[in-house]
Amino acid sequence: MQTGRIAGWAGWAALGMAAAGLAGCAALQPSPGKDTTVVAQAAAQAPPTQEAAPTSAWGKALQAKGCTLPDPAVADRLEQLQRELEPLGLEPRLQGCVSLAGPEPRPALVLDAWVTDGRKAMAVVRGPLADGEALDLGLEAGQQKAGLQKVGLRPMPDDQVSPDVQFNRRWWQGRLGAYGLQAVQGQVRTFVPTP
């Protein structure tokens, strides 16, 4: 018991000294007649603060993939999309970001739909719906590995895929379009954020 008192007393004493030290710092005032503009200039010349770290899961995912988007609201739209898809047994997954070539390069997101509950998902999409697998969007064979989709996968032409795949493509593009993500021509998983 006495050891507890000594440790408790030492802890309170350390806390008291720290508080006294902080109080002394807070009480420092410039001397009367001294020029304080140097302090104001130094504060004005301080490097700008960095943007606040994203707080949403999608904001963090976009940042982790190195996505630099002109509209920070894209993360909020992806959060809304995820909330819509969750009860349907699906979830959006960010595979990466690409820069589209052209007169003005534009950032684009590579997004896949993943099946979290095949029984629920069968009410809205078609084809094989195994839990933990990507929705079949008709990507080139042999490039999909267990649980991993690569950014550079190319879609097979519409005339070479099943009607179920064609349906899934239209459905996925429609869902993302509803949240301001426009499908890139000739791609099934690459989307450009629109204002």
N, C-alpha and C. Protein backbone atom coordinates (compact mmCIF):
# COMPACT_ATOMS: atom_id res chain seq x y z
N MET A 1 0.82 -1.19 0.00
CA MET A 1 0.00 0.00 0.00
C MET A 1 0.86 1.25 0.00
N GLN A 2 1.93 1.25 0.83
CA GLN A 2 2.75 2.43 0.91
C GLN A 2 3.44 2.71 -0.43
N THR A 3 3.82 1.66 -1.17
CA THR A 3 4.43 1.86 -2.48
C THR A 3 3.47 2.57 -3.40
N GLY A 4 2.20 2.21 -3.34
CA GLY A 4 1.19 2.87 -4.15
C GLY A 4 1.09 4.35 -3.82
N ARG A 5 1.22 4.69 -2.53
CA ARG A 5 1.16 6.09 -2.14
C ARG A 5 2.35 6.87 -2.67
N ILE A 6 3.51 6.25 -2.60
CA ILE A 6 4.71 6.94 -3.07
C ILE A 6 4.59 7.17 -4.58
N ALA A 7 4.18 6.12 -5.32
CA ALA A 7 4.03 6.27 -6.76
C ALA A 7 2.95 7.30 -7.06
N GLY A 8 1.86 7.26 -6.29
CA GLY A 8 0.80 8.23 -6.50
C GLY A 8 1.27 9.64 -6.20
N TRP A 9 2.03 9.79 -5.08
CA TRP A 9 2.55 11.11 -4.72
C TRP A 9 3.51 11.60 -5.78
N ALA A 10 4.40 10.71 -6.29
CA ALA A 10 5.38 11.10 -7.30
C ALA A 10 4.68 11.50 -8.59
N GLY A 11 3.63 10.78 -8.93
CA GLY A 11 2.87 11.11 -10.14
C GLY A 11 2.22 12.47 -10.03
N TRP A 12 1.61 12.74 -8.85
CA TRP A 12 0.97 14.05 -8.65
C TRP A 12 1.99 15.17 -8.64
N ALA A 13 3.15 14.90 -8.07
CA ALA A 13 4.20 15.92 -8.02
C ALA A 13 4.68 16.24 -9.43
N ALA A 14 4.88 15.19 -10.26
CA ALA A 14 5.32 15.40 -11.64
C ALA A 14 4.27 16.17 -12.42
N LEU A 15 3.01 15.83 -12.19
CA LEU A 15 1.93 16.54 -12.88
C LEU A 15 1.90 18.00 -12.46
N GLY A 16 2.11 18.27 -11.17
CA GLY A 16 2.12 19.65 -10.67
C GLY A 16 3.26 20.45 -11.28
N MET A 17 4.45 19.83 -11.39
CA MET A 17 5.59 20.53 -11.97
C MET A 17 5.35 20.81 -13.45
N ALA A 18 4.76 19.85 -14.15
CA ALA A 18 4.47 20.05 -15.57
C ALA A 18 3.47 21.19 -15.74
N ALA A 19 2.46 21.22 -14.89
CA ALA A 19 1.46 22.29 -14.98
C ALA A 19 2.09 23.63 -14.68
N ALA A 20 2.98 23.68 -13.71
CA ALA A 20 3.64 24.95 -13.38
C ALA A 20 4.50 25.40 -14.55
N GLY A 21 5.18 24.46 -15.19
CA GLY A 21 6.01 24.80 -16.34
C GLY A 21 5.18 25.33 -17.49
N LEU A 22 4.04 24.71 -17.74
CA LEU A 22 3.16 25.17 -18.82
C LEU A 22 2.56 26.52 -18.48
N ALA A 23 2.22 26.72 -17.22
CA ALA A 23 1.66 28.00 -16.81
C ALA A 23 2.67 29.10 -17.03
N GLY A 24 3.94 28.80 -16.74
CA GLY A 24 4.98 29.80 -16.96
C GLY A 24 5.11 30.14 -18.43
N CYS A 25 4.98 29.14 -19.31
CA CYS A 25 5.06 29.40 -20.75
C CYS A 25 3.89 30.25 -21.21
N ALA A 26 2.73 29.97 -20.68
CA ALA A 26 1.54 30.70 -21.12
C ALA A 26 1.58 32.13 -20.62
N ALA A 27 2.32 32.36 -19.52
CA ALA A 27 2.34 33.70 -18.95
C ALA A 27 3.35 34.61 -19.63
N LEU A 28 4.19 34.09 -20.52
CA LEU A 28 5.19 34.93 -21.17
C LEU A 28 4.51 35.99 -22.02
N GLN A 29 4.90 37.21 -21.80
CA GLN A 29 4.34 38.34 -22.54
C GLN A 29 5.51 39.12 -23.14
N PRO A 30 5.31 39.77 -24.30
CA PRO A 30 6.39 40.59 -24.81
C PRO A 30 6.62 41.76 -23.87
N SER A 31 7.86 42.15 -23.78
CA SER A 31 8.20 43.29 -22.93
C SER A 31 7.61 44.56 -23.51
N PRO A 32 7.18 45.48 -22.66
CA PRO A 32 6.64 46.74 -23.16
C PRO A 32 7.68 47.46 -24.01
N GLY A 33 7.24 47.99 -25.14
CA GLY A 33 8.11 48.75 -26.01
C GLY A 33 8.88 47.90 -27.00
N LYS A 34 8.81 46.58 -26.90
CA LYS A 34 9.52 45.70 -27.82
C LYS A 34 8.70 45.52 -29.08
N ASP A 35 9.37 45.34 -30.21
CA ASP A 35 8.70 45.15 -31.50
C ASP A 35 8.25 43.70 -31.63
N THR A 36 6.95 43.48 -31.82
CA THR A 36 6.42 42.12 -31.95
C THR A 36 6.12 41.77 -33.40
N THR A 37 6.49 42.63 -34.36
CA THR A 37 6.19 42.31 -35.77
C THR A 37 7.01 41.15 -36.27
N VAL A 38 8.18 40.90 -35.69
CA VAL A 38 9.01 39.77 -36.12
C VAL A 38 8.24 38.47 -35.91
N VAL A 39 7.56 38.35 -34.78
CA VAL A 39 6.77 37.15 -34.50
C VAL A 39 5.64 37.02 -35.51
N ALA A 40 4.96 38.11 -35.81
CA ALA A 40 3.86 38.08 -36.77
C ALA A 40 4.37 37.72 -38.17
N GLN A 41 5.55 38.26 -38.56
CA GLN A 41 6.10 37.93 -39.88
C GLN A 41 6.48 36.46 -39.94
N ALA A 42 7.07 35.95 -38.88
CA ALA A 42 7.46 34.54 -38.86
C ALA A 42 6.23 33.66 -38.98
N ALA A 43 5.15 34.02 -38.31
CA ALA A 43 3.93 33.23 -38.41
C ALA A 43 3.36 33.30 -39.82
N ALA A 44 3.44 34.47 -40.46
CA ALA A 44 2.91 34.61 -41.81
C ALA A 44 3.75 33.84 -42.82
N GLN A 45 5.06 33.67 -42.54
CA GLN A 45 5.93 32.97 -43.47
C GLN A 45 5.99 31.48 -43.21
N ALA A 46 5.30 31.00 -42.21
CA ALA A 46 5.29 29.57 -41.90
C ALA A 46 4.75 28.81 -43.09
N PRO A 47 5.28 27.62 -43.34
CA PRO A 47 4.79 26.84 -44.47
C PRO A 47 3.30 26.56 -44.32
N PRO A 48 2.58 26.52 -45.44
CA PRO A 48 1.14 26.27 -45.36
C PRO A 48 0.88 24.90 -44.76
N THR A 49 -0.20 24.82 -44.04
CA THR A 49 -0.56 23.54 -43.45
C THR A 49 -1.03 22.60 -44.55
N GLN A 50 -0.74 21.33 -44.38
CA GLN A 50 -1.16 20.36 -45.37
C GLN A 50 -2.64 20.13 -45.26
N GLU A 51 -3.22 19.63 -46.36
CA GLU A 51 -4.65 19.35 -46.33
C GLU A 51 -4.95 18.35 -45.24
N ALA A 52 -6.11 18.47 -44.68
CA ALA A 52 -6.51 17.55 -43.63
C ALA A 52 -6.59 16.14 -44.19
N ALA A 53 -6.17 15.20 -43.41
CA ALA A 53 -6.24 13.81 -43.83
C ALA A 53 -7.69 13.41 -44.01
N PRO A 54 -7.97 12.60 -45.02
CA PRO A 54 -9.36 12.19 -45.22
C PRO A 54 -9.87 11.41 -44.02
N THR A 55 -11.13 11.61 -43.72
CA THR A 55 -11.71 10.94 -42.56
C THR A 55 -12.54 9.73 -42.96
N SER A 56 -13.08 9.72 -44.18
CA SER A 56 -13.92 8.60 -44.58
C SER A 56 -13.05 7.44 -45.07
N ALA A 57 -13.62 6.26 -45.01
CA ALA A 57 -12.90 5.07 -45.48
C ALA A 57 -12.56 5.21 -46.96
N TRP A 58 -13.48 5.76 -47.74
CA TRP A 58 -13.21 5.93 -49.17
C TRP A 58 -12.17 7.01 -49.41
N GLY A 59 -12.19 8.06 -48.62
CA GLY A 59 -11.16 9.09 -48.75
C GLY A 59 -9.78 8.51 -48.49
N LYS A 60 -9.68 7.67 -47.47
CA LYS A 60 -8.41 7.02 -47.15
C LYS A 60 -8.00 6.03 -48.24
N ALA A 61 -8.96 5.30 -48.80
CA ALA A 61 -8.65 4.34 -49.87
C ALA A 61 -8.15 5.07 -51.12
N LEU A 62 -8.79 6.17 -51.46
CA LEU A 62 -8.36 6.96 -52.62
C LEU A 62 -6.95 7.48 -52.39
N GLN A 63 -6.68 7.98 -51.20
CA GLN A 63 -5.35 8.50 -50.89
C GLN A 63 -4.31 7.39 -50.93
N ALA A 64 -4.65 6.22 -50.38
CA ALA A 64 -3.71 5.10 -50.35
C ALA A 64 -3.34 4.63 -51.76
N LYS A 65 -4.27 4.75 -52.70
CA LYS A 65 -3.99 4.34 -54.09
C LYS A 65 -3.35 5.46 -54.89
N GLY A 66 -3.14 6.61 -54.25
CA GLY A 66 -2.50 7.73 -54.94
C GLY A 66 -3.42 8.49 -55.88
N CYS A 67 -4.72 8.39 -55.65
CA CYS A 67 -5.69 9.07 -56.50
C CYS A 67 -5.75 10.55 -56.16
N THR A 68 -5.49 11.38 -57.14
CA THR A 68 -5.60 12.82 -56.97
C THR A 68 -6.78 13.28 -57.80
N LEU A 69 -7.87 13.55 -57.15
CA LEU A 69 -9.10 13.92 -57.85
C LEU A 69 -9.41 15.39 -57.61
N PRO A 70 -9.93 16.06 -58.63
CA PRO A 70 -10.24 17.48 -58.47
C PRO A 70 -11.42 17.73 -57.53
N ASP A 71 -12.26 16.74 -57.33
CA ASP A 71 -13.46 16.92 -56.52
C ASP A 71 -13.40 16.01 -55.30
N PRO A 72 -13.20 16.57 -54.10
CA PRO A 72 -13.13 15.72 -52.91
C PRO A 72 -14.45 15.03 -52.58
N ALA A 73 -15.55 15.47 -53.19
CA ALA A 73 -16.85 14.87 -52.92
C ALA A 73 -16.97 13.46 -53.52
N VAL A 74 -16.02 13.06 -54.35
CA VAL A 74 -16.06 11.72 -54.95
C VAL A 74 -16.06 10.66 -53.85
N ALA A 75 -15.26 10.87 -52.81
CA ALA A 75 -15.22 9.91 -51.71
C ALA A 75 -16.60 9.78 -51.06
N ASP A 76 -17.30 10.89 -50.89
CA ASP A 76 -18.65 10.85 -50.31
C ASP A 76 -19.60 10.08 -51.21
N ARG A 77 -19.48 10.30 -52.53
CA ARG A 77 -20.35 9.58 -53.46
C ARG A 77 -20.08 8.08 -53.43
N LEU A 78 -18.82 7.71 -53.29
CA LEU A 78 -18.48 6.28 -53.21
C LEU A 78 -19.00 5.68 -51.91
N GLU A 79 -19.00 6.47 -50.84
CA GLU A 79 -19.59 6.00 -49.57
C GLU A 79 -21.08 5.72 -49.75
N GLN A 80 -21.77 6.63 -50.44
CA GLN A 80 -23.20 6.45 -50.70
C GLN A 80 -23.45 5.22 -51.56
N LEU A 81 -22.61 5.02 -52.58
CA LEU A 81 -22.73 3.84 -53.43
C LEU A 81 -22.56 2.57 -52.60
N GLN A 82 -21.57 2.57 -51.73
CA GLN A 82 -21.34 1.39 -50.89
C GLN A 82 -22.55 1.10 -50.01
N ARG A 83 -23.14 2.16 -49.44
CA ARG A 83 -24.34 1.96 -48.60
C ARG A 83 -25.50 1.39 -49.43
N GLU A 84 -25.61 1.80 -50.69
CA GLU A 84 -26.67 1.27 -51.55
C GLU A 84 -26.43 -0.20 -51.87
N LEU A 85 -25.18 -0.57 -52.16
CA LEU A 85 -24.88 -1.94 -52.60
C LEU A 85 -24.84 -2.95 -51.47
N GLU A 86 -24.52 -2.50 -50.27
CA GLU A 86 -24.36 -3.41 -49.13
C GLU A 86 -25.56 -4.34 -48.93
N PRO A 87 -26.79 -3.82 -48.87
CA PRO A 87 -27.93 -4.73 -48.67
C PRO A 87 -28.21 -5.62 -49.88
N LEU A 88 -27.57 -5.31 -51.01
CA LEU A 88 -27.75 -6.11 -52.23
C LEU A 88 -26.71 -7.22 -52.34
N GLY A 89 -25.85 -7.36 -51.32
CA GLY A 89 -24.84 -8.40 -51.34
C GLY A 89 -23.64 -8.07 -52.23
N LEU A 90 -23.40 -6.79 -52.46
CA LEU A 90 -22.29 -6.36 -53.31
C LEU A 90 -21.54 -5.22 -52.63
N GLU A 91 -20.30 -5.01 -53.06
CA GLU A 91 -19.56 -3.85 -52.59
C GLU A 91 -18.63 -3.36 -53.69
N PRO A 92 -18.45 -2.05 -53.77
CA PRO A 92 -17.48 -1.52 -54.73
C PRO A 92 -16.07 -1.64 -54.17
N ARG A 93 -15.11 -1.92 -55.04
CA ARG A 93 -13.71 -1.98 -54.62
C ARG A 93 -12.86 -1.18 -55.59
N LEU A 94 -12.04 -0.34 -55.02
CA LEU A 94 -11.12 0.47 -55.80
C LEU A 94 -9.88 -0.36 -56.13
N GLN A 95 -9.63 -0.54 -57.41
CA GLN A 95 -8.45 -1.30 -57.83
C GLN A 95 -7.27 -0.39 -58.12
N GLY A 96 -7.55 0.86 -58.44
CA GLY A 96 -6.46 1.79 -58.70
C GLY A 96 -6.96 3.04 -59.39
N CYS A 97 -6.01 3.88 -59.73
CA CYS A 97 -6.31 5.13 -60.44
C CYS A 97 -5.43 5.18 -61.67
N VAL A 98 -5.96 5.74 -62.72
CA VAL A 98 -5.21 5.90 -63.96
C VAL A 98 -5.40 7.33 -64.46
N SER A 99 -4.49 7.76 -65.29
CA SER A 99 -4.61 9.06 -65.92
C SER A 99 -4.93 8.82 -67.39
N LEU A 100 -6.05 9.36 -67.84
CA LEU A 100 -6.47 9.17 -69.22
C LEU A 100 -5.75 10.17 -70.11
N ALA A 101 -5.19 9.66 -71.19
CA ALA A 101 -4.47 10.51 -72.13
C ALA A 101 -5.47 11.37 -72.90
N GLY A 102 -5.00 12.47 -73.40
CA GLY A 102 -5.84 13.36 -74.18
C GLY A 102 -5.30 14.76 -74.09
N PRO A 103 -6.00 15.71 -74.71
CA PRO A 103 -5.53 17.09 -74.64
C PRO A 103 -5.41 17.58 -73.19
N GLU A 104 -6.33 17.15 -72.35
CA GLU A 104 -6.27 17.44 -70.91
C GLU A 104 -6.34 16.11 -70.18
N PRO A 105 -5.21 15.62 -69.65
CA PRO A 105 -5.24 14.35 -68.92
C PRO A 105 -6.24 14.43 -67.77
N ARG A 106 -7.02 13.36 -67.63
CA ARG A 106 -8.04 13.31 -66.57
C ARG A 106 -7.79 12.09 -65.70
N PRO A 107 -8.01 12.24 -64.40
CA PRO A 107 -7.89 11.07 -63.53
C PRO A 107 -9.14 10.20 -63.66
N ALA A 108 -8.94 8.91 -63.57
CA ALA A 108 -10.06 7.96 -63.62
C ALA A 108 -9.84 6.88 -62.56
N LEU A 109 -10.93 6.34 -62.09
CA LEU A 109 -10.90 5.28 -61.08
C LEU A 109 -11.19 3.94 -61.72
N VAL A 110 -10.47 2.92 -61.30
CA VAL A 110 -10.75 1.55 -61.72
C VAL A 110 -11.50 0.90 -60.57
N LEU A 111 -12.79 0.62 -60.80
CA LEU A 111 -13.67 0.09 -59.75
C LEU A 111 -14.31 -1.21 -60.18
N ASP A 112 -14.32 -2.17 -59.28
CA ASP A 112 -14.99 -3.45 -59.50
C ASP A 112 -16.11 -3.61 -58.49
N ALA A 113 -17.08 -4.43 -58.85
CA ALA A 113 -18.13 -4.84 -57.91
C ALA A 113 -17.76 -6.23 -57.40
N TRP A 114 -17.77 -6.39 -56.10
CA TRP A 114 -17.44 -7.68 -55.49
C TRP A 114 -18.67 -8.23 -54.79
N VAL A 115 -18.82 -9.52 -54.88
CA VAL A 115 -19.96 -10.21 -54.29
C VAL A 115 -19.64 -10.50 -52.83
N THR A 116 -20.49 -10.02 -51.94
CA THR A 116 -20.34 -10.32 -50.51
C THR A 116 -21.39 -11.33 -50.06
N ASP A 117 -22.51 -11.39 -50.76
CA ASP A 117 -23.56 -12.36 -50.47
C ASP A 117 -24.26 -12.71 -51.78
N GLY A 118 -23.87 -13.85 -52.35
CA GLY A 118 -24.38 -14.27 -53.66
C GLY A 118 -25.90 -14.42 -53.69
N ARG A 119 -26.51 -14.84 -52.57
CA ARG A 119 -27.96 -15.02 -52.53
C ARG A 119 -28.69 -13.68 -52.71
N LYS A 120 -28.17 -12.66 -52.07
CA LYS A 120 -28.79 -11.33 -52.22
C LYS A 120 -28.47 -10.75 -53.59
N ALA A 121 -27.23 -10.92 -54.04
CA ALA A 121 -26.79 -10.32 -55.31
C ALA A 121 -27.56 -10.87 -56.50
N MET A 122 -28.03 -12.12 -56.42
CA MET A 122 -28.73 -12.71 -57.57
C MET A 122 -30.04 -11.99 -57.88
N ALA A 123 -30.52 -11.15 -56.98
CA ALA A 123 -31.74 -10.38 -57.23
C ALA A 123 -31.47 -9.20 -58.17
N VAL A 124 -30.20 -8.78 -58.31
CA VAL A 124 -29.91 -7.59 -59.13
C VAL A 124 -28.91 -7.82 -60.26
N VAL A 125 -28.05 -8.82 -60.16
CA VAL A 125 -27.07 -9.10 -61.21
C VAL A 125 -27.16 -10.57 -61.61
N ARG A 126 -26.40 -10.93 -62.65
CA ARG A 126 -26.51 -12.28 -63.22
C ARG A 126 -25.15 -12.97 -63.28
N GLY A 127 -25.22 -14.27 -63.52
CA GLY A 127 -24.00 -15.06 -63.69
C GLY A 127 -23.58 -15.72 -62.40
N PRO A 128 -22.38 -16.32 -62.40
CA PRO A 128 -21.87 -16.96 -61.18
C PRO A 128 -21.59 -15.88 -60.13
N LEU A 129 -22.14 -16.09 -58.94
CA LEU A 129 -22.04 -15.08 -57.89
C LEU A 129 -21.46 -15.68 -56.61
N ALA A 130 -20.21 -16.09 -56.67
CA ALA A 130 -19.56 -16.67 -55.49
C ALA A 130 -19.14 -15.57 -54.53
N ASP A 131 -19.43 -15.78 -53.27
CA ASP A 131 -19.03 -14.81 -52.24
C ASP A 131 -17.51 -14.60 -52.31
N GLY A 132 -17.08 -13.34 -52.21
CA GLY A 132 -15.65 -13.03 -52.22
C GLY A 132 -15.03 -12.96 -53.60
N GLU A 133 -15.83 -12.99 -54.63
CA GLU A 133 -15.33 -12.91 -56.00
C GLU A 133 -15.86 -11.65 -56.66
N ALA A 134 -15.14 -11.21 -57.69
CA ALA A 134 -15.58 -10.03 -58.45
C ALA A 134 -16.77 -10.41 -59.33
N LEU A 135 -17.67 -9.46 -59.52
CA LEU A 135 -18.78 -9.63 -60.44
C LEU A 135 -18.21 -9.84 -61.84
N ASP A 136 -18.77 -10.78 -62.59
CA ASP A 136 -18.25 -11.08 -63.92
C ASP A 136 -18.60 -9.95 -64.89
N LEU A 137 -17.55 -9.22 -65.29
CA LEU A 137 -17.71 -8.14 -66.26
C LEU A 137 -17.05 -8.49 -67.59
N GLY A 138 -16.66 -9.76 -67.75
CA GLY A 138 -16.10 -10.20 -69.02
C GLY A 138 -14.71 -9.68 -69.30
N LEU A 139 -13.80 -9.87 -68.38
CA LEU A 139 -12.42 -9.46 -68.58
C LEU A 139 -11.67 -10.57 -69.30
N GLU A 140 -10.55 -10.23 -69.92
CA GLU A 140 -9.77 -11.22 -70.65
C GLU A 140 -9.45 -12.40 -69.74
N ALA A 141 -9.58 -13.60 -70.27
CA ALA A 141 -9.36 -14.82 -69.49
C ALA A 141 -7.90 -14.94 -69.07
N GLY A 142 -7.70 -15.59 -67.94
CA GLY A 142 -6.36 -15.90 -67.48
C GLY A 142 -5.66 -14.78 -66.74
N GLN A 143 -6.27 -13.60 -66.60
CA GLN A 143 -5.59 -12.51 -65.92
C GLN A 143 -6.17 -12.24 -64.55
N GLN A 144 -7.18 -12.95 -64.17
CA GLN A 144 -7.79 -12.75 -62.86
C GLN A 144 -7.26 -13.82 -61.92
N LYS A 145 -6.73 -13.42 -60.78
CA LYS A 145 -6.22 -14.36 -59.80
C LYS A 145 -7.07 -14.25 -58.55
N ALA A 146 -7.10 -15.31 -57.78
CA ALA A 146 -7.95 -15.39 -56.59
C ALA A 146 -7.97 -14.09 -55.78
N GLY A 147 -9.10 -13.41 -55.81
CA GLY A 147 -9.30 -12.22 -55.01
C GLY A 147 -8.55 -10.99 -55.49
N LEU A 148 -7.91 -11.03 -56.65
CA LEU A 148 -7.11 -9.91 -57.11
C LEU A 148 -7.49 -9.54 -58.54
N GLN A 149 -7.77 -8.30 -58.76
CA GLN A 149 -8.04 -7.79 -60.10
C GLN A 149 -6.94 -6.79 -60.39
N LYS A 150 -6.31 -6.88 -61.54
CA LYS A 150 -5.28 -5.92 -61.90
C LYS A 150 -5.90 -4.73 -62.60
N VAL A 151 -5.25 -3.59 -62.47
CA VAL A 151 -5.76 -2.35 -63.05
C VAL A 151 -5.81 -2.44 -64.57
N GLY A 152 -4.82 -3.04 -65.19
CA GLY A 152 -4.72 -3.03 -66.65
C GLY A 152 -5.52 -4.08 -67.40
N LEU A 153 -6.41 -4.80 -66.74
CA LEU A 153 -7.19 -5.83 -67.43
C LEU A 153 -8.10 -5.20 -68.48
N ARG A 154 -8.14 -5.81 -69.64
CA ARG A 154 -8.96 -5.29 -70.73
C ARG A 154 -10.25 -6.10 -70.83
N PRO A 155 -11.35 -5.43 -71.12
CA PRO A 155 -12.61 -6.15 -71.30
C PRO A 155 -12.67 -6.83 -72.66
N MET A 156 -13.33 -7.95 -72.68
CA MET A 156 -13.59 -8.61 -73.96
C MET A 156 -14.69 -7.82 -74.68
N PRO A 157 -14.71 -7.84 -76.02
CA PRO A 157 -15.77 -7.13 -76.74
C PRO A 157 -17.15 -7.69 -76.40
N ASP A 158 -18.17 -6.83 -76.45
CA ASP A 158 -19.54 -7.24 -76.11
C ASP A 158 -20.01 -8.46 -76.91
N ASP A 159 -19.61 -8.57 -78.16
CA ASP A 159 -20.07 -9.70 -78.98
C ASP A 159 -19.38 -11.01 -78.62
N GLN A 160 -18.42 -10.97 -77.71
CA GLN A 160 -17.72 -12.19 -77.29
C GLN A 160 -18.03 -12.59 -75.84
N VAL A 161 -18.99 -11.91 -75.23
CA VAL A 161 -19.35 -12.25 -73.86
C VAL A 161 -20.83 -12.63 -73.81
N SER A 162 -21.21 -13.30 -72.74
CA SER A 162 -22.58 -13.79 -72.58
C SER A 162 -23.55 -12.63 -72.32
N PRO A 163 -24.84 -12.89 -72.53
CA PRO A 163 -25.85 -11.87 -72.19
C PRO A 163 -25.82 -11.49 -70.71
N ASP A 164 -25.46 -12.45 -69.83
CA ASP A 164 -25.35 -12.14 -68.41
C ASP A 164 -24.25 -11.11 -68.16
N VAL A 165 -23.12 -11.26 -68.81
CA VAL A 165 -22.01 -10.32 -68.66
C VAL A 165 -22.41 -8.96 -69.21
N GLN A 166 -23.07 -8.94 -70.35
CA GLN A 166 -23.52 -7.68 -70.93
C GLN A 166 -24.48 -6.96 -69.97
N PHE A 167 -25.37 -7.73 -69.35
CA PHE A 167 -26.30 -7.16 -68.37
C PHE A 167 -25.53 -6.57 -67.19
N ASN A 168 -24.56 -7.35 -66.66
CA ASN A 168 -23.77 -6.88 -65.51
C ASN A 168 -23.02 -5.60 -65.84
N ARG A 169 -22.48 -5.52 -67.03
CA ARG A 169 -21.75 -4.31 -67.45
C ARG A 169 -22.68 -3.10 -67.45
N ARG A 170 -23.84 -3.25 -68.05
CA ARG A 170 -24.79 -2.12 -68.09
C ARG A 170 -25.25 -1.74 -66.69
N TRP A 171 -25.51 -2.74 -65.87
CA TRP A 171 -25.96 -2.49 -64.51
C TRP A 171 -24.88 -1.74 -63.71
N TRP A 172 -23.63 -2.21 -63.78
CA TRP A 172 -22.53 -1.60 -63.04
C TRP A 172 -22.29 -0.16 -63.50
N GLN A 173 -22.28 0.05 -64.80
CA GLN A 173 -22.09 1.40 -65.33
C GLN A 173 -23.24 2.31 -64.94
N GLY A 174 -24.46 1.77 -64.92
CA GLY A 174 -25.62 2.56 -64.50
C GLY A 174 -25.55 2.96 -63.04
N ARG A 175 -25.13 2.03 -62.17
CA ARG A 175 -25.03 2.35 -60.74
C ARG A 175 -23.99 3.44 -60.51
N LEU A 176 -22.83 3.30 -61.13
CA LEU A 176 -21.78 4.29 -60.94
C LEU A 176 -22.16 5.62 -61.58
N GLY A 177 -22.84 5.57 -62.71
CA GLY A 177 -23.31 6.80 -63.35
C GLY A 177 -24.25 7.58 -62.46
N ALA A 178 -25.06 6.88 -61.69
CA ALA A 178 -25.99 7.54 -60.77
C ALA A 178 -25.26 8.32 -59.68
N TYR A 179 -23.99 8.00 -59.45
CA TYR A 179 -23.19 8.69 -58.44
C TYR A 179 -22.12 9.59 -59.07
N GLY A 180 -22.33 9.96 -60.32
CA GLY A 180 -21.44 10.91 -60.96
C GLY A 180 -20.13 10.34 -61.44
N LEU A 181 -20.11 9.05 -61.75
CA LEU A 181 -18.90 8.42 -62.29
C LEU A 181 -19.23 7.89 -63.68
N GLN A 182 -18.68 8.55 -64.68
CA GLN A 182 -18.97 8.26 -66.08
C GLN A 182 -18.02 7.18 -66.60
N ALA A 183 -18.59 6.14 -67.23
CA ALA A 183 -17.78 5.06 -67.78
C ALA A 183 -16.93 5.57 -68.94
N VAL A 184 -15.70 5.09 -69.02
CA VAL A 184 -14.81 5.43 -70.12
C VAL A 184 -15.17 4.52 -71.30
N GLN A 185 -15.27 5.12 -72.47
CA GLN A 185 -15.64 4.37 -73.68
C GLN A 185 -14.70 3.17 -73.88
N GLY A 186 -15.29 2.00 -74.08
CA GLY A 186 -14.52 0.79 -74.34
C GLY A 186 -14.00 0.11 -73.09
N GLN A 187 -14.30 0.64 -71.93
CA GLN A 187 -13.87 0.05 -70.67
C GLN A 187 -15.11 -0.32 -69.85
N VAL A 188 -14.97 -1.27 -68.97
CA VAL A 188 -16.11 -1.66 -68.15
C VAL A 188 -15.88 -1.39 -66.66
N ARG A 189 -14.66 -1.01 -66.30
CA ARG A 189 -14.35 -0.78 -64.90
C ARG A 189 -13.63 0.53 -64.66
N THR A 190 -13.49 1.35 -65.68
CA THR A 190 -12.77 2.62 -65.55
C THR A 190 -13.78 3.76 -65.64
N PHE A 191 -13.76 4.64 -64.64
CA PHE A 191 -14.77 5.69 -64.53
C PHE A 191 -14.13 7.03 -64.22
N VAL A 192 -14.66 8.06 -64.88
CA VAL A 192 -14.19 9.43 -64.66
C VAL A 192 -15.21 10.15 -63.80
N PRO A 193 -14.75 10.73 -62.69
CA PRO A 193 -15.68 11.52 -61.87
C PRO A 193 -16.16 12.76 -62.62
N THR A 194 -17.45 13.01 -62.55
CA THR A 194 -18.03 14.20 -63.16
C THR A 194 -18.54 15.10 -62.05
N PRO A 195 -18.61 16.40 -62.31
CA PRO A 195 -19.09 17.31 -61.26
C PRO A 195 -20.53 17.10 -60.90
